[in-house]
Amino acid sequence: MELLAAHSALLFARLSAELRETTALDNGYHCRGGIELLEAEERSGIEGIWQRQGIVYEALSAERLGVLEPAVRPGPLHPYYLPAMAQVRNPRHLKALLAACGQQGVVIHSHCPVLGWEKSGARITGVMTERGRFSAERYLIAAGAWSEGLLAQLGWCPGIHPVRGQIALLQTQPPLLARIVEQGKRYLVPRPDGRVLIGSTEEATGFDKRTTAQGIQSLLRFALNLVPALAHAPLERCWAGLRPGSPDEKPFLGSVPGWENVFVAAGHYRAGIQLSPGTALVMSELLCGLPPSFPLDEFRLDRHGIVQATFTR
């Protein structure tokens, strides 16, 4: 997992620059650093991970934190500064990727549900959709939280499931934060236009993308505890998305066992955008018959501990 994250981090800046150059679209990638707030018992373990990944970090004194982010009130938490932490605007990133694909002649069929597979022995010969049959030499299942249904038709049920994440957006003028602030699985992301994104909940609610009063209240409470001055910021909007969870919170990357020409890239949970460059790298290598840039054993569909994985043809 650490190698996947490290490759993705190295690739993201270059990918963003290439997208701007080729499409004239800015995906919102900014590297202004971030503040990580840790419990005392978390410090040694997370510092070890950062060291193995080559991540530069600085333990902050109260005075130093006050210089970097004067609005943050960490309380008993221990602040760290990570200068290489970056953000990207997901909708803009996807827009730029779609434009780049179009320039390369890629045809994308949006809103075209897959109904089933056409099989011959250990090979897939076609995919049936609401717009007819499509065929290819190789197939990649990368349908996020909906990947389980496609894999189940091939005999695999690894446990990919939707996890709802609610998000709130505040408007601050003048801006109160310059850097991302993270505590555990929740975060504050300041946008250059003064908006602050607050995320995110984790809820096993199936394919329900509605926001709830309780979920948004918990996000606002988290934000106000860390940055009390946000209490005066207008609440602009709220929304929710569905993350593709997996039983061990690791993605599935590689070939689908039992099938000669089917691959999977799904189950990235909270880190889909973050891990997407590294995922794209190794999956393109596999699809082209090349060895992957780093080992994928820990991401196998039939890896140890995934008790839901069963294969039948």
C-alpha atoms as a PDB file:
ATOM      1  CA  MET A   1       0.000   0.000   0.000  1.00  0.00           C
ATOM      2  CA  GLU A   2       2.844   2.365   0.814  1.00  0.00           C
ATOM      3  CA  LEU A   3       4.459   1.824  -2.601  1.00  0.00           C
ATOM      4  CA  LEU A   4       1.162   2.533  -4.351  1.00  0.00           C
ATOM      5  CA  ALA A   5       0.748   5.737  -2.357  1.00  0.00           C
ATOM      6  CA  ALA A   6       4.348   6.802  -2.964  1.00  0.00           C
ATOM      7  CA  HIS A   7       4.152   6.249  -6.740  1.00  0.00           C
ATOM      8  CA  SER A   8       0.853   8.143  -6.901  1.00  0.00           C
ATOM      9  CA  ALA A   9       2.239  11.105  -4.974  1.00  0.00           C
ATOM     10  CA  LEU A  10       5.243  11.330  -7.286  1.00  0.00           C
ATOM     11  CA  LEU A  11       3.095  11.125 -10.409  1.00  0.00           C
ATOM     12  CA  PHE A  12       0.306  13.557  -9.458  1.00  0.00           C
ATOM     13  CA  ALA A  13       2.210  16.805  -9.946  1.00  0.00           C
ATOM     14  CA  ARG A  14       3.519  15.712 -13.346  1.00  0.00           C
ATOM     15  CA  LEU A  15       0.118  14.438 -14.444  1.00  0.00           C
ATOM     16  CA  SER A  16      -1.541  17.701 -13.419  1.00  0.00           C
ATOM     17  CA  ALA A  17       1.018  19.731 -15.365  1.00  0.00           C
ATOM     18  CA  GLU A  18       0.521  17.543 -18.448  1.00  0.00           C
ATOM     19  CA  LEU A  19      -3.251  17.928 -18.238  1.00  0.00           C
ATOM     20  CA  ARG A  20      -2.952  21.718 -18.049  1.00  0.00           C
ATOM     21  CA  GLU A  21      -0.589  21.775 -21.014  1.00  0.00           C
ATOM     22  CA  THR A  22      -2.592  19.445 -23.255  1.00  0.00           C
ATOM     23  CA  THR A  23      -6.148  20.462 -22.343  1.00  0.00           C
ATOM     24  CA  ALA A  24      -5.746  24.038 -21.043  1.00  0.00           C
ATOM     25  CA  LEU A  25      -7.799  22.908 -18.035  1.00  0.00           C
ATOM     26  CA  ASP A  26      -6.660  23.428 -14.446  1.00  0.00           C
ATOM     27  CA  ASN A  27      -7.525  20.460 -12.243  1.00  0.00           C
ATOM     28  CA  GLY A  28      -7.007  22.497  -9.081  1.00  0.00           C
ATOM     29  CA  TYR A  29      -3.841  20.723  -7.993  1.00  0.00           C
ATOM     30  CA  HIS A  30      -2.070  22.858  -5.388  1.00  0.00           C
ATOM     31  CA  CYS A  31       0.791  21.860  -3.128  1.00  0.00           C
ATOM     32  CA  ARG A  32       0.733  24.254  -0.189  1.00  0.00           C
ATOM     33  CA  GLY A  33       1.324  21.729   2.552  1.00  0.00           C
ATOM     34  CA  GLY A  34      -0.928  20.610   5.352  1.00  0.00           C
ATOM     35  CA  ILE A  35      -1.285  20.205   9.097  1.00  0.00           C
ATOM     36  CA  GLU A  36      -1.788  16.735  10.555  1.00  0.00           C
ATOM     37  CA  LEU A  37      -3.152  16.559  14.102  1.00  0.00           C
ATOM     38  CA  LEU A  38      -2.301  13.387  16.019  1.00  0.00           C
ATOM     39  CA  GLU A  39      -3.207  11.821  19.328  1.00  0.00           C
ATOM     40  CA  ALA A  40      -0.173  11.160  21.542  1.00  0.00           C
ATOM     41  CA  GLU A  41      -0.388   7.386  21.050  1.00  0.00           C
ATOM     42  CA  GLU A  42      -0.486   7.767  17.250  1.00  0.00           C
ATOM     43  CA  ARG A  43       2.729   9.708  16.870  1.00  0.00           C
ATOM     44  CA  SER A  44       5.384   7.001  16.704  1.00  0.00           C
ATOM     45  CA  GLY A  45       3.427   4.746  14.359  1.00  0.00           C
ATOM     46  CA  ILE A  46       2.542   7.459  11.862  1.00  0.00           C
ATOM     47  CA  GLU A  47       6.019   8.977  12.000  1.00  0.00           C
ATOM     48  CA  GLY A  48       7.366   5.530  11.069  1.00  0.00           C
ATOM     49  CA  ILE A  49       5.063   5.375   8.036  1.00  0.00           C
ATOM     50  CA  TRP A  50       6.137   8.849   6.919  1.00  0.00           C
ATOM     51  CA  GLN A  51       9.789   7.911   7.272  1.00  0.00           C
ATOM     52  CA  ARG A  52       9.385   4.746   5.184  1.00  0.00           C
ATOM     53  CA  GLN A  53       7.561   6.705   2.470  1.00  0.00           C
ATOM     54  CA  GLY A  54      10.141   9.486   2.467  1.00  0.00           C
ATOM     55  CA  ILE A  55       7.566  12.091   3.524  1.00  0.00           C
ATOM     56  CA  VAL A  56       9.048  15.251   4.984  1.00  0.00           C
ATOM     57  CA  TYR A  57       7.391  16.330   8.226  1.00  0.00           C
ATOM     58  CA  GLU A  58       7.949  18.728  11.094  1.00  0.00           C
ATOM     59  CA  ALA A  59       6.577  18.460  14.612  1.00  0.00           C
ATOM     60  CA  LEU A  60       5.172  21.900  15.415  1.00  0.00           C
ATOM     61  CA  SER A  61       5.352  23.930  18.563  1.00  0.00           C
ATOM     62  CA  ALA A  62       2.371  26.060  19.506  1.00  0.00           C
ATOM     63  CA  GLU A  63       4.265  29.130  18.333  1.00  0.00           C
ATOM     64  CA  ARG A  64       5.131  27.609  14.973  1.00  0.00           C
ATOM     65  CA  LEU A  65       1.545  26.453  14.426  1.00  0.00           C
ATOM     66  CA  GLY A  66       0.391  29.983  15.242  1.00  0.00           C
ATOM     67  CA  VAL A  67       2.570  31.314  12.438  1.00  0.00           C
ATOM     68  CA  LEU A  68       1.415  28.748   9.876  1.00  0.00           C
ATOM     69  CA  GLU A  69      -2.292  28.519  10.774  1.00  0.00           C
ATOM     70  CA  PRO A  70      -3.279  31.005  13.484  1.00  0.00           C
ATOM     71  CA  ALA A  71      -6.983  30.058  13.337  1.00  0.00           C
ATOM     72  CA  VAL A  72      -6.375  26.402  14.282  1.00  0.00           C
ATOM     73  CA  ARG A  73      -6.940  25.390  17.912  1.00  0.00           C
ATOM     74  CA  PRO A  74      -5.572  21.830  18.263  1.00  0.00           C
ATOM     75  CA  GLY A  75      -6.272  21.404  21.985  1.00  0.00           C
ATOM     76  CA  PRO A  76      -4.459  18.291  23.281  1.00  0.00           C
ATOM     77  CA  LEU A  77      -3.605  17.089  19.763  1.00  0.00           C
ATOM     78  CA  HIS A  78      -0.045  17.216  18.438  1.00  0.00           C
ATOM     79  CA  PRO A  79       0.361  19.215  15.194  1.00  0.00           C
ATOM     80  CA  TYR A  80       2.714  18.241  12.370  1.00  0.00           C
ATOM     81  CA  TYR A  81       3.508  20.178   9.226  1.00  0.00           C
ATOM     82  CA  LEU A  82       3.732  18.184   5.973  1.00  0.00           C
ATOM     83  CA  PRO A  83       5.000  20.589   3.283  1.00  0.00           C
ATOM     84  CA  ALA A  84       4.306  18.185   0.389  1.00  0.00           C
ATOM     85  CA  MET A  85       0.596  17.684   1.175  1.00  0.00           C
ATOM     86  CA  ALA A  86      -1.486  18.713  -1.834  1.00  0.00           C
ATOM     87  CA  GLN A  87      -5.093  19.026  -2.907  1.00  0.00           C
ATOM     88  CA  VAL A  88      -6.958  18.615  -6.184  1.00  0.00           C
ATOM     89  CA  ARG A  89     -10.474  19.591  -7.260  1.00  0.00           C
ATOM     90  CA  ASN A  90     -12.078  16.252  -8.091  1.00  0.00           C
ATOM     91  CA  PRO A  91     -14.697  17.518 -10.622  1.00  0.00           C
ATOM     92  CA  ARG A  92     -12.076  19.618 -12.418  1.00  0.00           C
ATOM     93  CA  HIS A  93      -9.629  16.713 -12.436  1.00  0.00           C
ATOM     94  CA  LEU A  94     -12.204  14.411 -14.020  1.00  0.00           C
ATOM     95  CA  LYS A  95     -13.105  17.089 -16.574  1.00  0.00           C
ATOM     96  CA  ALA A  96      -9.445  17.437 -17.550  1.00  0.00           C
ATOM     97  CA  LEU A  97      -9.019  13.660 -17.784  1.00  0.00           C
ATOM     98  CA  LEU A  98     -12.080  13.345 -20.018  1.00  0.00           C
ATOM     99  CA  ALA A  99     -10.750  16.095 -22.281  1.00  0.00           C
ATOM    100  CA  ALA A 100      -7.353  14.400 -22.501  1.00  0.00           C
ATOM    101  CA  CYS A 101      -8.974  11.066 -23.334  1.00  0.00           C
ATOM    102  CA  GLY A 102     -10.996  12.733 -26.090  1.00  0.00           C
ATOM    103  CA  GLN A 103      -7.835  14.175 -27.588  1.00  0.00           C
ATOM    104  CA  GLN A 104      -6.395  10.646 -27.741  1.00  0.00           C
ATOM    105  CA  GLY A 105      -9.438   9.296 -29.562  1.00  0.00           C
ATOM    106  CA  VAL A 106     -10.951   7.498 -26.562  1.00  0.00           C
ATOM    107  CA  VAL A 107     -14.707   6.994 -26.890  1.00  0.00           C
ATOM    108  CA  ILE A 108     -16.588   7.083 -23.578  1.00  0.00           C
ATOM    109  CA  HIS A 109     -20.158   5.822 -23.340  1.00  0.00           C
ATOM    110  CA  SER A 110     -21.672   7.631 -20.360  1.00  0.00           C
ATOM    111  CA  HIS A 111     -24.821   6.397 -18.610  1.00  0.00           C
ATOM    112  CA  CYS A 112     -24.485   3.015 -20.290  1.00  0.00           C
ATOM    113  CA  PRO A 113     -25.108   0.276 -17.689  1.00  0.00           C
ATOM    114  CA  VAL A 114     -23.480  -3.117 -18.161  1.00  0.00           C
ATOM    115  CA  LEU A 115     -26.021  -5.931 -18.147  1.00  0.00           C
ATOM    116  CA  GLY A 116     -23.766  -8.967 -18.369  1.00  0.00           C
ATOM    117  CA  TRP A 117     -20.787 -10.736 -19.867  1.00  0.00           C
ATOM    118  CA  GLU A 118     -20.454 -12.886 -22.960  1.00  0.00           C
ATOM    119  CA  LYS A 119     -18.147 -15.795 -22.117  1.00  0.00           C
ATOM    120  CA  SER A 120     -16.250 -18.485 -23.951  1.00  0.00           C
ATOM    121  CA  GLY A 121     -14.269 -20.849 -21.751  1.00  0.00           C
ATOM    122  CA  ALA A 122     -11.884 -18.811 -19.632  1.00  0.00           C
ATOM    123  CA  ARG A 123     -12.240 -15.690 -21.756  1.00  0.00           C
ATOM    124  CA  ILE A 124     -14.689 -12.824 -21.954  1.00  0.00           C
ATOM    125  CA  THR A 125     -15.682 -12.206 -25.565  1.00  0.00           C
ATOM    126  CA  GLY A 126     -18.083  -9.329 -25.079  1.00  0.00           C
ATOM    127  CA  VAL A 127     -19.950  -7.140 -22.649  1.00  0.00           C
ATOM    128  CA  MET A 128     -23.684  -6.596 -22.978  1.00  0.00           C
ATOM    129  CA  THR A 129     -25.033  -3.120 -22.243  1.00  0.00           C
ATOM    130  CA  GLU A 130     -28.227  -1.157 -22.671  1.00  0.00           C
ATOM    131  CA  ARG A 131     -26.715   0.134 -25.921  1.00  0.00           C
ATOM    132  CA  GLY A 132     -25.766  -3.248 -27.284  1.00  0.00           C
ATOM    133  CA  ARG A 133     -22.688  -5.444 -27.295  1.00  0.00           C
ATOM    134  CA  PHE A 134     -19.097  -4.221 -27.034  1.00  0.00           C
ATOM    135  CA  SER A 135     -16.024  -6.383 -27.467  1.00  0.00           C
ATOM    136  CA  ALA A 136     -12.323  -6.023 -26.702  1.00  0.00           C
ATOM    137  CA  GLU A 137      -9.167  -8.070 -26.241  1.00  0.00           C
ATOM    138  CA  ARG A 138      -8.987  -7.216 -22.545  1.00  0.00           C
ATOM    139  CA  TYR A 139     -11.489  -5.898 -19.997  1.00  0.00           C
ATOM    140  CA  LEU A 140     -10.981  -3.828 -16.854  1.00  0.00           C
ATOM    141  CA  ILE A 141     -13.567  -3.638 -14.075  1.00  0.00           C
ATOM    142  CA  ALA A 142     -13.182  -0.237 -12.417  1.00  0.00           C
ATOM    143  CA  ALA A 143     -16.733   0.617 -11.428  1.00  0.00           C
ATOM    144  CA  GLY A 144     -16.106   1.830  -7.889  1.00  0.00           C
ATOM    145  CA  ALA A 145     -18.774   0.801  -5.399  1.00  0.00           C
ATOM    146  CA  TRP A 146     -20.678  -0.942  -8.209  1.00  0.00           C
ATOM    147  CA  SER A 147     -17.792  -3.317  -9.085  1.00  0.00           C
ATOM    148  CA  GLU A 148     -19.070  -6.145  -6.871  1.00  0.00           C
ATOM    149  CA  GLY A 149     -22.017  -6.863  -9.130  1.00  0.00           C
ATOM    150  CA  LEU A 150     -19.815  -7.168 -12.212  1.00  0.00           C
ATOM    151  CA  LEU A 151     -17.330  -9.397 -10.402  1.00  0.00           C
ATOM    152  CA  ALA A 152     -20.109 -11.584  -9.012  1.00  0.00           C
ATOM    153  CA  GLN A 153     -21.110 -12.477 -12.573  1.00  0.00           C
ATOM    154  CA  LEU A 154     -17.556 -13.813 -12.982  1.00  0.00           C
ATOM    155  CA  GLY A 155     -17.725 -15.891  -9.816  1.00  0.00           C
ATOM    156  CA  TRP A 156     -16.046 -13.471  -7.384  1.00  0.00           C
ATOM    157  CA  CYS A 157     -17.624 -11.727  -4.399  1.00  0.00           C
ATOM    158  CA  PRO A 158     -14.710 -10.041  -2.599  1.00  0.00           C
ATOM    159  CA  GLY A 159     -16.851  -7.708  -0.517  1.00  0.00           C
ATOM    160  CA  ILE A 160     -16.644  -4.360  -2.334  1.00  0.00           C
ATOM    161  CA  HIS A 161     -19.421  -2.243  -0.852  1.00  0.00           C
ATOM    162  CA  PRO A 162     -20.588   1.395  -0.823  1.00  0.00           C
ATOM    163  CA  VAL A 163     -19.617   3.621   2.104  1.00  0.00           C
ATOM    164  CA  ARG A 164     -21.384   6.969   2.189  1.00  0.00           C
ATOM    165  CA  GLY A 165     -19.282  10.042   2.832  1.00  0.00           C
ATOM    166  CA  GLN A 166     -21.025  13.335   3.526  1.00  0.00           C
ATOM    167  CA  ILE A 167     -19.299  16.676   2.930  1.00  0.00           C
ATOM    168  CA  ALA A 168     -20.111  20.267   3.878  1.00  0.00           C
ATOM    169  CA  LEU A 169     -18.863  23.425   2.174  1.00  0.00           C
ATOM    170  CA  LEU A 170     -18.425  26.754   3.951  1.00  0.00           C
ATOM    171  CA  GLN A 171     -17.661  30.184   2.513  1.00  0.00           C
ATOM    172  CA  THR A 172     -15.044  32.231   4.365  1.00  0.00           C
ATOM    173  CA  GLN A 173     -14.106  35.777   3.464  1.00  0.00           C
ATOM    174  CA  PRO A 174     -11.404  36.640   4.154  1.00  0.00           C
ATOM    175  CA  PRO A 175      -9.942  33.092   4.131  1.00  0.00           C
ATOM    176  CA  LEU A 176      -9.234  31.598   7.552  1.00  0.00           C
ATOM    177  CA  LEU A 177      -6.970  28.731   6.447  1.00  0.00           C
ATOM    178  CA  ALA A 178      -4.094  28.469   4.005  1.00  0.00           C
ATOM    179  CA  ARG A 179      -3.418  24.734   4.325  1.00  0.00           C
ATOM    180  CA  ILE A 180      -5.227  21.440   4.630  1.00  0.00           C
ATOM    181  CA  VAL A 181      -5.901  20.386   8.226  1.00  0.00           C
ATOM    182  CA  GLU A 182      -6.420  16.688   8.980  1.00  0.00           C
ATOM    183  CA  GLN A 183      -7.345  14.781  12.107  1.00  0.00           C
ATOM    184  CA  GLY A 184      -7.770  11.060  11.648  1.00  0.00           C
ATOM    185  CA  LYS A 185     -10.211  10.490   8.802  1.00  0.00           C
ATOM    186  CA  ARG A 186     -11.636  14.007   8.847  1.00  0.00           C
ATOM    187  CA  TYR A 187     -10.252  17.086   7.216  1.00  0.00           C
ATOM    188  CA  LEU A 188     -10.613  20.749   6.330  1.00  0.00           C
ATOM    189  CA  VAL A 189      -9.581  21.710   2.804  1.00  0.00           C
ATOM    190  CA  PRO A 190      -9.300  25.454   2.064  1.00  0.00           C
ATOM    191  CA  ARG A 191      -9.925  26.437  -1.546  1.00  0.00           C
ATOM    192  CA  PRO A 192      -8.176  29.395  -3.184  1.00  0.00           C
ATOM    193  CA  ASP A 193     -11.569  31.137  -3.544  1.00  0.00           C
ATOM    194  CA  GLY A 194     -12.090  31.192   0.240  1.00  0.00           C
ATOM    195  CA  ARG A 195     -14.341  28.157   0.510  1.00  0.00           C
ATOM    196  CA  VAL A 196     -13.565  25.447   3.063  1.00  0.00           C
ATOM    197  CA  LEU A 197     -14.555  21.849   2.424  1.00  0.00           C
ATOM    198  CA  ILE A 198     -15.291  19.729   5.520  1.00  0.00           C
ATOM    199  CA  GLY A 199     -15.168  15.954   5.212  1.00  0.00           C
ATOM    200  CA  SER A 200     -16.142  13.327   5.739  1.00  0.00           C
ATOM    201  CA  THR A 201     -18.475  10.824   7.344  1.00  0.00           C
ATOM    202  CA  GLU A 202     -18.253   7.029   6.968  1.00  0.00           C
ATOM    203  CA  GLU A 203     -21.650   5.339   6.833  1.00  0.00           C
ATOM    204  CA  ALA A 204     -22.783   1.895   5.748  1.00  0.00           C
ATOM    205  CA  THR A 205     -26.078   2.940   4.181  1.00  0.00           C
ATOM    206  CA  GLY A 206     -25.988   0.997   0.932  1.00  0.00           C
ATOM    207  CA  PHE A 207     -26.424   3.012  -2.254  1.00  0.00           C
ATOM    208  CA  ASP A 208     -28.100   5.933  -0.472  1.00  0.00           C
ATOM    209  CA  LYS A 209     -26.395   9.257  -1.340  1.00  0.00           C
ATOM    210  CA  ARG A 210     -28.677  11.533   0.669  1.00  0.00           C
ATOM    211  CA  THR A 211     -27.202  13.888   3.257  1.00  0.00           C
ATOM    212  CA  THR A 212     -28.535  13.826   6.818  1.00  0.00           C
ATOM    213  CA  ALA A 213     -28.842  16.378   9.606  1.00  0.00           C
ATOM    214  CA  GLN A 214     -26.849  14.136  11.949  1.00  0.00           C
ATOM    215  CA  GLY A 215     -24.024  13.622   9.460  1.00  0.00           C
ATOM    216  CA  ILE A 216     -23.639  17.298   8.601  1.00  0.00           C
ATOM    217  CA  GLN A 217     -23.915  18.263  12.276  1.00  0.00           C
ATOM    218  CA  SER A 218     -20.994  15.956  13.109  1.00  0.00           C
ATOM    219  CA  LEU A 219     -18.861  17.570  10.399  1.00  0.00           C
ATOM    220  CA  LEU A 220     -19.646  21.083  11.573  1.00  0.00           C
ATOM    221  CA  ARG A 221     -18.881  20.132  15.171  1.00  0.00           C
ATOM    222  CA  PHE A 222     -15.504  18.740  14.090  1.00  0.00           C
ATOM    223  CA  ALA A 223     -14.686  21.903  12.127  1.00  0.00           C
ATOM    224  CA  LEU A 224     -15.700  24.326  14.874  1.00  0.00           C
ATOM    225  CA  ASN A 225     -13.708  22.419  17.487  1.00  0.00           C
ATOM    226  CA  LEU A 226     -10.539  22.929  15.425  1.00  0.00           C
ATOM    227  CA  VAL A 227     -11.283  26.356  13.956  1.00  0.00           C
ATOM    228  CA  PRO A 228     -13.801  28.194  16.169  1.00  0.00           C
ATOM    229  CA  ALA A 229     -13.868  31.202  13.814  1.00  0.00           C
ATOM    230  CA  LEU A 230     -15.666  29.082  11.218  1.00  0.00           C
ATOM    231  CA  ALA A 231     -18.825  29.492  13.300  1.00  0.00           C
ATOM    232  CA  HIS A 232     -19.521  32.696  11.386  1.00  0.00           C
ATOM    233  CA  ALA A 233     -18.998  31.208   7.922  1.00  0.00           C
ATOM    234  CA  PRO A 234     -22.103  30.674   5.749  1.00  0.00           C
ATOM    235  CA  LEU A 235     -22.957  27.044   5.000  1.00  0.00           C
ATOM    236  CA  GLU A 236     -23.003  27.013   1.196  1.00  0.00           C
ATOM    237  CA  ARG A 237     -23.986  23.432   0.378  1.00  0.00           C
ATOM    238  CA  CYS A 238     -23.767  19.786   1.408  1.00  0.00           C
ATOM    239  CA  TRP A 239     -23.491  16.587  -0.606  1.00  0.00           C
ATOM    240  CA  ALA A 240     -22.544  12.934  -0.321  1.00  0.00           C
ATOM    241  CA  GLY A 241     -20.701  10.325  -2.356  1.00  0.00           C
ATOM    242  CA  LEU A 242     -20.282   6.562  -2.260  1.00  0.00           C
ATOM    243  CA  ARG A 243     -16.796   5.210  -1.658  1.00  0.00           C
ATOM    244  CA  PRO A 244     -15.954   1.634  -2.688  1.00  0.00           C
ATOM    245  CA  GLY A 245     -15.011  -0.061   0.562  1.00  0.00           C
ATOM    246  CA  SER A 246     -13.243  -3.413   0.856  1.00  0.00           C
ATOM    247  CA  PRO A 247     -12.978  -5.852   3.784  1.00  0.00           C
ATOM    248  CA  ASP A 248      -9.393  -4.816   4.647  1.00  0.00           C
ATOM    249  CA  GLU A 249      -9.549  -1.241   3.272  1.00  0.00           C
ATOM    250  CA  LYS A 250      -7.099  -2.092   0.473  1.00  0.00           C
ATOM    251  CA  PRO A 251      -7.988  -1.980  -3.217  1.00  0.00           C
ATOM    252  CA  PHE A 252      -8.123  -4.938  -5.567  1.00  0.00           C
ATOM    253  CA  LEU A 253      -5.616  -4.553  -8.395  1.00  0.00           C
ATOM    254  CA  GLY A 254      -4.640  -7.137 -10.973  1.00  0.00           C
ATOM    255  CA  SER A 255      -6.065  -9.995 -12.984  1.00  0.00           C
ATOM    256  CA  VAL A 256      -9.324 -11.715 -12.106  1.00  0.00           C
ATOM    257  CA  PRO A 257      -8.339 -15.315 -11.270  1.00  0.00           C
ATOM    258  CA  GLY A 258      -9.903 -17.904 -13.533  1.00  0.00           C
ATOM    259  CA  TRP A 259     -10.203 -15.491 -16.460  1.00  0.00           C
ATOM    260  CA  GLU A 260      -7.526 -14.893 -19.064  1.00  0.00           C
ATOM    261  CA  ASN A 261      -8.444 -11.378 -20.149  1.00  0.00           C
ATOM    262  CA  VAL A 262     -10.227  -9.655 -17.245  1.00  0.00           C
ATOM    263  CA  PHE A 263      -8.651  -7.271 -14.743  1.00  0.00           C
ATOM    264  CA  VAL A 264      -9.910  -5.322 -11.754  1.00  0.00           C
ATOM    265  CA  ALA A 265      -9.065  -1.972 -10.178  1.00  0.00           C
ATOM    266  CA  ALA A 266     -11.604  -1.294  -7.449  1.00  0.00           C
ATOM    267  CA  GLY A 267     -12.108  -0.977  -3.696  1.00  0.00           C
ATOM    268  CA  HIS A 268      -9.882   2.070  -3.095  1.00  0.00           C
ATOM    269  CA  TYR A 269     -12.180   3.240  -0.288  1.00  0.00           C
ATOM    270  CA  ARG A 270     -11.232   6.791   0.799  1.00  0.00           C
ATOM    271  CA  ALA A 271      -8.161   7.109  -1.420  1.00  0.00           C
ATOM    272  CA  GLY A 272      -9.489   6.734  -4.951  1.00  0.00           C
ATOM    273  CA  ILE A 273      -8.298  10.065  -6.331  1.00  0.00           C
ATOM    274  CA  GLN A 274      -5.129   9.994  -4.223  1.00  0.00           C
ATOM    275  CA  LEU A 275      -4.094   6.543  -5.496  1.00  0.00           C
ATOM    276  CA  SER A 276      -5.348   6.969  -9.055  1.00  0.00           C
ATOM    277  CA  PRO A 277      -2.019   7.805 -10.780  1.00  0.00           C
ATOM    278  CA  GLY A 278      -0.252   4.751  -9.355  1.00  0.00           C
ATOM    279  CA  THR A 279      -3.292   2.601 -10.092  1.00  0.00           C
ATOM    280  CA  ALA A 280      -3.417   3.835 -13.688  1.00  0.00           C
ATOM    281  CA  LEU A 281       0.299   3.130 -14.087  1.00  0.00           C
ATOM    282  CA  VAL A 282       0.213  -0.514 -13.000  1.00  0.00           C
ATOM    283  CA  MET A 283      -3.106  -1.320 -14.666  1.00  0.00           C
ATOM    284  CA  SER A 284      -1.950   0.094 -18.007  1.00  0.00           C
ATOM    285  CA  GLU A 285       1.187  -2.019 -17.674  1.00  0.00           C
ATOM    286  CA  LEU A 286      -0.829  -5.167 -17.000  1.00  0.00           C
ATOM    287  CA  LEU A 287      -3.249  -4.463 -19.846  1.00  0.00           C
ATOM    288  CA  CYS A 288      -0.285  -4.061 -22.217  1.00  0.00           C
ATOM    289  CA  GLY A 289       1.330  -7.286 -21.028  1.00  0.00           C
ATOM    290  CA  LEU A 290       4.160  -5.538 -19.164  1.00  0.00           C
ATOM    291  CA  PRO A 291       5.411  -6.278 -15.633  1.00  0.00           C
ATOM    292  CA  PRO A 292       4.002  -3.824 -13.061  1.00  0.00           C
ATOM    293  CA  SER A 293       6.245  -1.119 -11.614  1.00  0.00           C
ATOM    294  CA  PHE A 294       5.780  -2.531  -8.107  1.00  0.00           C
ATOM    295  CA  PRO A 295       4.497  -5.820  -6.629  1.00  0.00           C
ATOM    296  CA  LEU A 296       0.737  -6.284  -6.494  1.00  0.00           C
ATOM    297  CA  ASP A 297       0.483  -9.372  -4.288  1.00  0.00           C
ATOM    298  CA  GLU A 298      -1.176  -7.488  -1.421  1.00  0.00           C
ATOM    299  CA  PHE A 299      -3.898  -6.305  -3.832  1.00  0.00           C
ATOM    300  CA  ARG A 300      -4.777  -9.704  -5.322  1.00  0.00           C
ATOM    301  CA  LEU A 301      -8.452 -10.514  -5.627  1.00  0.00           C
ATOM    302  CA  ASP A 302      -7.814 -13.870  -3.930  1.00  0.00           C
ATOM    303  CA  ARG A 303      -5.471 -12.556  -1.232  1.00  0.00           C
ATOM    304  CA  HIS A 304      -5.411 -14.114   2.201  1.00  0.00           C
ATOM    305  CA  GLY A 305      -8.037 -12.835   4.607  1.00  0.00           C
ATOM    306  CA  ILE A 306     -10.693 -11.969   2.031  1.00  0.00           C
ATOM    307  CA  VAL A 307     -13.056 -14.685   3.203  1.00  0.00           C
ATOM    308  CA  GLN A 308     -15.825 -13.556   0.865  1.00  0.00           C
ATOM    309  CA  ALA A 309     -13.744 -14.403  -2.206  1.00  0.00           C
ATOM    310  CA  THR A 310     -15.047 -17.486  -3.981  1.00  0.00           C
ATOM    311  CA  PHE A 311     -14.653 -18.519  -7.586  1.00  0.00           C
ATOM    312  CA  THR A 312     -17.130 -20.551  -9.560  1.00  0.00           C
ATOM    313  CA  ARG A 313     -17.632 -20.608 -13.286  1.00  0.00           C
END
